[in-house]
C-alpha atoms as a PDB file:
ATOM      1  CA  MET A   1      -3.474  17.554   3.338  1.00  0.00           C
ATOM      2  CA  GLY A   2      -0.752  17.057   5.920  1.00  0.00           C
ATOM      3  CA  LEU A   3      -2.506  13.980   7.295  1.00  0.00           C
ATOM      4  CA  VAL A   4      -2.822  12.405   3.839  1.00  0.00           C
ATOM      5  CA  ARG A   5       0.859  13.049   3.134  1.00  0.00           C
ATOM      6  CA  MET A   6       1.808  11.534   6.485  1.00  0.00           C
ATOM      7  CA  VAL A   7      -0.268   8.399   5.816  1.00  0.00           C
ATOM      8  CA  LEU A   8       1.315   8.051   2.369  1.00  0.00           C
ATOM      9  CA  MET A   9       4.807   8.371   3.821  1.00  0.00           C
ATOM     10  CA  ILE A  10       4.070   5.798   6.532  1.00  0.00           C
ATOM     11  CA  TYR A  11       2.869   3.413   3.827  1.00  0.00           C
ATOM     12  CA  VAL A  12       6.078   4.047   1.860  1.00  0.00           C
ATOM     13  CA  TYR A  13       8.105   3.156   4.964  1.00  0.00           C
ATOM     14  CA  ILE A  14       6.064  -0.032   5.340  1.00  0.00           C
ATOM     15  CA  LEU A  15       6.749  -0.892   1.686  1.00  0.00           C
ATOM     16  CA  VAL A  16      10.479  -0.360   2.171  1.00  0.00           C
ATOM     17  CA  ALA A  17      10.471  -2.469   5.337  1.00  0.00           C
ATOM     18  CA  THR A  18       8.631  -5.241   3.505  1.00  0.00           C
ATOM     19  CA  ALA A  19      11.159  -5.164   0.667  1.00  0.00           C
ATOM     20  CA  LEU A  20      14.132  -5.209   3.048  1.00  0.00           C
ATOM     21  CA  LEU A  21      12.723  -8.021   5.168  1.00  0.00           C
ATOM     22  CA  SER A  22      12.171 -10.129   2.063  1.00  0.00           C
ATOM     23  CA  TRP A  23      15.952 -10.454   1.792  1.00  0.00           C
ATOM     24  CA  PHE A  24      16.210 -12.280   5.120  1.00  0.00           C
ATOM     25  CA  PRO A  25      15.056 -15.808   5.874  1.00  0.00           C
ATOM     26  CA  SER A  26      12.294 -15.941   8.446  1.00  0.00           C
ATOM     27  CA  ASN A  27      13.425 -18.838  10.591  1.00  0.00           C
ATOM     28  CA  GLY A  28      12.215 -17.299  13.838  1.00  0.00           C
ATOM     29  CA  ALA A  29       8.603 -16.819  14.813  1.00  0.00           C
ATOM     30  CA  PRO A  30       8.861 -13.070  15.619  1.00  0.00           C
ATOM     31  CA  LEU A  31      10.311 -12.193  12.225  1.00  0.00           C
ATOM     32  CA  GLN A  32       7.792 -14.413  10.464  1.00  0.00           C
ATOM     33  CA  SER A  33       4.871 -12.688  12.175  1.00  0.00           C
ATOM     34  CA  VAL A  34       6.233  -9.243  11.302  1.00  0.00           C
ATOM     35  CA  LYS A  35       6.716 -10.248   7.675  1.00  0.00           C
ATOM     36  CA  ARG A  36       3.203 -11.693   7.541  1.00  0.00           C
ATOM     37  CA  ALA A  37       1.664  -8.524   9.016  1.00  0.00           C
ATOM     38  CA  LEU A  38       3.542  -6.271   6.589  1.00  0.00           C
ATOM     39  CA  HIS A  39       2.542  -8.514   3.686  1.00  0.00           C
ATOM     40  CA  LEU A  40      -1.125  -8.251   4.676  1.00  0.00           C
ATOM     41  CA  ILE A  41      -0.834  -4.460   4.715  1.00  0.00           C
ATOM     42  CA  THR A  42       1.012  -4.065   1.413  1.00  0.00           C
ATOM     43  CA  GLU A  43      -0.328  -6.859  -0.779  1.00  0.00           C
ATOM     44  CA  PRO A  44      -3.704  -5.206  -1.605  1.00  0.00           C
ATOM     45  CA  VAL A  45      -1.793  -2.384  -3.321  1.00  0.00           C
ATOM     46  CA  VAL A  46       1.300  -4.201  -4.597  1.00  0.00           C
ATOM     47  CA  GLY A  47      -0.466  -7.358  -5.797  1.00  0.00           C
ATOM     48  CA  PRO A  48      -2.416  -5.799  -8.699  1.00  0.00           C
ATOM     49  CA  VAL A  49       0.690  -3.913  -9.846  1.00  0.00           C
ATOM     50  CA  ARG A  50       2.710  -7.137  -9.711  1.00  0.00           C
ATOM     51  CA  LYS A  51       0.104  -8.920 -11.847  1.00  0.00           C
ATOM     52  CA  ALA A  52       0.050  -6.085 -14.408  1.00  0.00           C
ATOM     53  CA  LEU A  53       3.822  -6.087 -14.909  1.00  0.00           C
ATOM     54  CA  PRO A  54       5.506  -8.492 -17.297  1.00  0.00           C
ATOM     55  CA  SER A  55       7.731 -11.192 -15.832  1.00  0.00           C
ATOM     56  CA  THR A  56      11.269  -9.931 -15.211  1.00  0.00           C
ATOM     57  CA  GLY A  57      13.024 -13.146 -14.296  1.00  0.00           C
ATOM     58  CA  GLY A  58      12.656 -13.131 -10.525  1.00  0.00           C
ATOM     59  CA  ILE A  59      13.064  -9.427  -9.861  1.00  0.00           C
ATOM     60  CA  ASP A  60       9.947  -7.791  -8.429  1.00  0.00           C
ATOM     61  CA  PHE A  61       9.669  -4.153  -9.503  1.00  0.00           C
ATOM     62  CA  SER A  62       6.117  -3.712  -8.205  1.00  0.00           C
ATOM     63  CA  VAL A  63       7.187  -2.417  -4.782  1.00  0.00           C
ATOM     64  CA  MET A  64       9.466   0.146  -6.402  1.00  0.00           C
ATOM     65  CA  ILE A  65       6.740   1.306  -8.786  1.00  0.00           C
ATOM     66  CA  VAL A  66       4.156   1.641  -6.011  1.00  0.00           C
ATOM     67  CA  THR A  67       6.690   3.503  -3.858  1.00  0.00           C
ATOM     68  CA  LEU A  68       7.520   5.947  -6.638  1.00  0.00           C
ATOM     69  CA  VAL A  69       3.839   6.575  -7.371  1.00  0.00           C
ATOM     70  CA  LEU A  70       3.089   7.202  -3.691  1.00  0.00           C
ATOM     71  CA  LEU A  71       6.058   9.549  -3.372  1.00  0.00           C
ATOM     72  CA  PHE A  72       4.861  11.427  -6.448  1.00  0.00           C
ATOM     73  CA  ILE A  73       1.352  11.727  -5.025  1.00  0.00           C
ATOM     74  CA  ALA A  74       2.728  12.891  -1.656  1.00  0.00           C
ATOM     75  CA  ARG A  75       4.855  15.481  -3.454  1.00  0.00           C
ATOM     76  CA  ILE A  76       1.973  17.010  -5.396  1.00  0.00           C
ATOM     77  CA  ILE A  77      -0.410  17.108  -2.417  1.00  0.00           C
END
């Protein structure tokens, strides 16, 4: 169970990094490639949640919801 919890926590850190990097413009190639890689990792999980949520006027709560669910799962494991 420790390995599963560790993988969940790493994914949570990736989600947080993706959310934080979305605040910054990606003018440079290194930042753009990092953002693209993180997006490829997180979008399969965040995308369906984003589609299921109603529109909130430009604020994306899907990352927060996925993060909270993963933290809950890691807590009960």
